[in-house]
Amino acid sequence: QVQLQESCPGLVNSSQTLSLTCAVSGGSITTNGYYWSWIRQPPGTGMEWIGRIGYAGSTGFSPSFESRTSISRDTSKNPFTLQLSSGTPGGTAVYYCARRMAAMKYDYWGQGTQVTVSS
């Protein structure tokens, strides 16, 4: 059973880089065919796909986030990390990490973590 768990500071200043980590257990982030995504849901709106890192380390981002976003991973300890640069609009949201195979639905999700960005 794969489990994902997001962690973050909870409250950040808008001038700071927002950094979130997804801890993965029960599976490896290098397992062939899987992609590991970050998705967020701002208050009162739908889900927004931010980006993903693949099993081989390749990354892809939504055009809305690409210039301010990075996703990295630690293959020795299995987490993957999202960083959103300061000034990224709409930072206050519930952030989720999730797993899927290419062209398939997400099969595992983290429980989500609330991030509040203060101005």
Protein backbone atom coordinates (compact mmCIF):
# COMPACT_ATOMS: atom_id res chain seq x y z
CA GLN A 1 0.00 0.00 0.00
CA VAL A 2 1.52 3.26 -1.15
CA GLN A 3 1.13 6.20 1.20
CA LEU A 4 1.90 9.85 0.55
CA GLN A 5 2.18 12.50 3.23
CA GLU A 6 2.62 16.20 2.59
CA SER A 7 4.48 18.46 4.97
CA CYS A 8 5.03 22.20 4.96
CA PRO A 9 5.42 25.14 7.33
CA GLY A 10 1.67 25.94 7.25
CA LEU A 11 2.02 29.73 7.33
CA VAL A 12 4.51 31.53 5.12
CA ASN A 13 5.18 35.11 4.19
CA SER A 14 4.53 36.09 0.59
CA SER A 15 8.16 37.18 0.27
CA GLN A 16 9.38 33.66 1.05
CA THR A 17 9.82 30.64 -1.16
CA LEU A 18 7.15 28.08 -0.35
CA SER A 19 8.60 24.61 0.07
CA LEU A 20 6.53 21.46 0.49
CA THR A 21 7.70 17.88 0.80
CA CYS A 22 5.83 14.69 0.00
CA ALA A 23 7.03 11.65 1.91
CA VAL A 24 6.37 8.39 0.06
CA SER A 25 6.16 5.00 1.74
CA GLY A 26 5.23 1.59 0.39
CA GLY A 27 6.73 2.34 -3.00
CA SER A 28 9.68 4.01 -4.67
CA ILE A 29 9.56 7.28 -6.60
CA THR A 30 11.92 5.65 -9.13
CA THR A 31 9.55 2.77 -9.98
CA ASN A 32 9.25 2.61 -13.73
CA GLY A 33 6.20 4.28 -15.23
CA TYR A 34 5.03 6.42 -12.33
CA TYR A 35 4.72 10.18 -12.13
CA TRP A 36 4.48 12.14 -8.92
CA SER A 37 2.48 15.33 -9.01
CA TRP A 38 1.68 18.40 -6.98
CA ILE A 39 -1.87 19.72 -7.13
CA ARG A 40 -3.48 22.50 -5.17
CA GLN A 41 -6.97 23.78 -4.42
CA PRO A 42 -7.33 27.46 -3.47
CA PRO A 43 -10.39 28.42 -1.41
CA GLY A 44 -13.61 28.29 -3.36
CA THR A 45 -12.01 27.05 -6.58
CA GLY A 46 -11.23 23.78 -8.28
CA MET A 47 -8.07 21.74 -8.36
CA GLU A 48 -5.00 23.17 -10.10
CA TRP A 49 -2.26 20.90 -11.40
CA ILE A 50 1.12 22.48 -10.62
CA GLY A 51 3.64 20.01 -11.98
CA ARG A 52 5.20 16.59 -11.68
CA ILE A 53 8.42 14.65 -11.50
CA GLY A 54 8.74 11.34 -13.25
CA TYR A 55 10.36 8.06 -12.29
CA ALA A 56 13.46 8.97 -14.30
CA GLY A 57 13.67 12.47 -12.83
CA SER A 58 12.10 14.45 -15.66
CA THR A 59 9.86 17.34 -14.66
CA GLY A 60 6.86 19.03 -16.23
CA PHE A 61 4.88 22.06 -15.16
CA SER A 62 1.65 23.84 -15.83
CA PRO A 63 2.32 27.02 -17.86
CA SER A 64 0.72 28.97 -15.01
CA PHE A 65 3.49 27.90 -12.64
CA GLU A 66 6.45 27.04 -14.81
CA SER A 67 8.51 30.19 -14.34
CA ARG A 68 8.27 30.10 -10.54
CA THR A 69 8.27 26.41 -9.73
CA SER A 70 10.73 23.61 -9.20
CA ILE A 71 10.24 20.00 -8.21
CA SER A 72 13.09 17.87 -6.98
CA ARG A 73 13.54 14.48 -5.39
CA ASP A 74 15.80 12.58 -3.03
CA THR A 75 16.07 9.05 -4.39
CA SER A 76 17.90 7.84 -1.30
CA LYS A 77 15.09 8.78 1.08
CA ASN A 78 12.11 8.79 -1.31
CA PRO A 79 10.53 12.20 -0.82
CA PHE A 80 9.92 14.76 -3.55
CA THR A 81 9.75 18.46 -2.97
CA LEU A 82 7.88 21.38 -4.48
CA GLN A 83 9.19 24.92 -4.34
CA LEU A 84 7.13 27.93 -5.37
CA SER A 85 9.00 31.20 -5.60
CA SER A 86 7.78 34.26 -3.74
CA GLY A 87 5.17 36.23 -5.56
CA THR A 88 3.41 33.22 -7.03
CA PRO A 89 -0.24 34.26 -7.07
CA GLY A 90 -2.88 32.40 -5.14
CA GLY A 91 -0.49 30.68 -2.78
CA THR A 92 -3.07 30.06 -0.04
CA ALA A 93 -4.50 26.64 -0.79
CA VAL A 94 -4.66 23.03 0.20
CA TYR A 95 -1.72 21.29 -1.45
CA TYR A 96 -1.78 17.64 -2.43
CA CYS A 97 0.78 15.22 -3.77
CA ALA A 98 -0.41 12.31 -5.86
CA ARG A 99 0.78 9.39 -8.00
CA ARG A 100 -0.29 8.23 -11.40
CA MET A 101 0.93 6.32 -14.41
CA ALA A 102 1.02 8.07 -17.77
CA ALA A 103 -2.48 8.49 -19.25
CA MET A 104 -4.07 6.98 -16.14
CA LYS A 105 -6.00 8.42 -13.23
CA TYR A 106 -4.27 9.24 -9.98
CA ASP A 107 -4.28 6.14 -7.82
CA TYR A 108 -2.81 7.45 -4.57
CA TRP A 109 -3.15 10.86 -2.92
CA GLY A 110 -1.81 12.48 0.17
CA GLN A 111 -4.37 13.80 2.64
CA GLY A 112 -3.56 17.39 1.70
CA THR A 113 -1.99 20.14 3.72
CA GLN A 114 -3.26 23.68 4.24
CA VAL A 115 -0.83 26.44 3.37
CA THR A 116 -1.61 30.05 4.20
CA VAL A 117 0.44 32.80 2.57
CA SER A 118 0.43 36.10 4.41
CA SER A 119 1.17 39.41 2.74
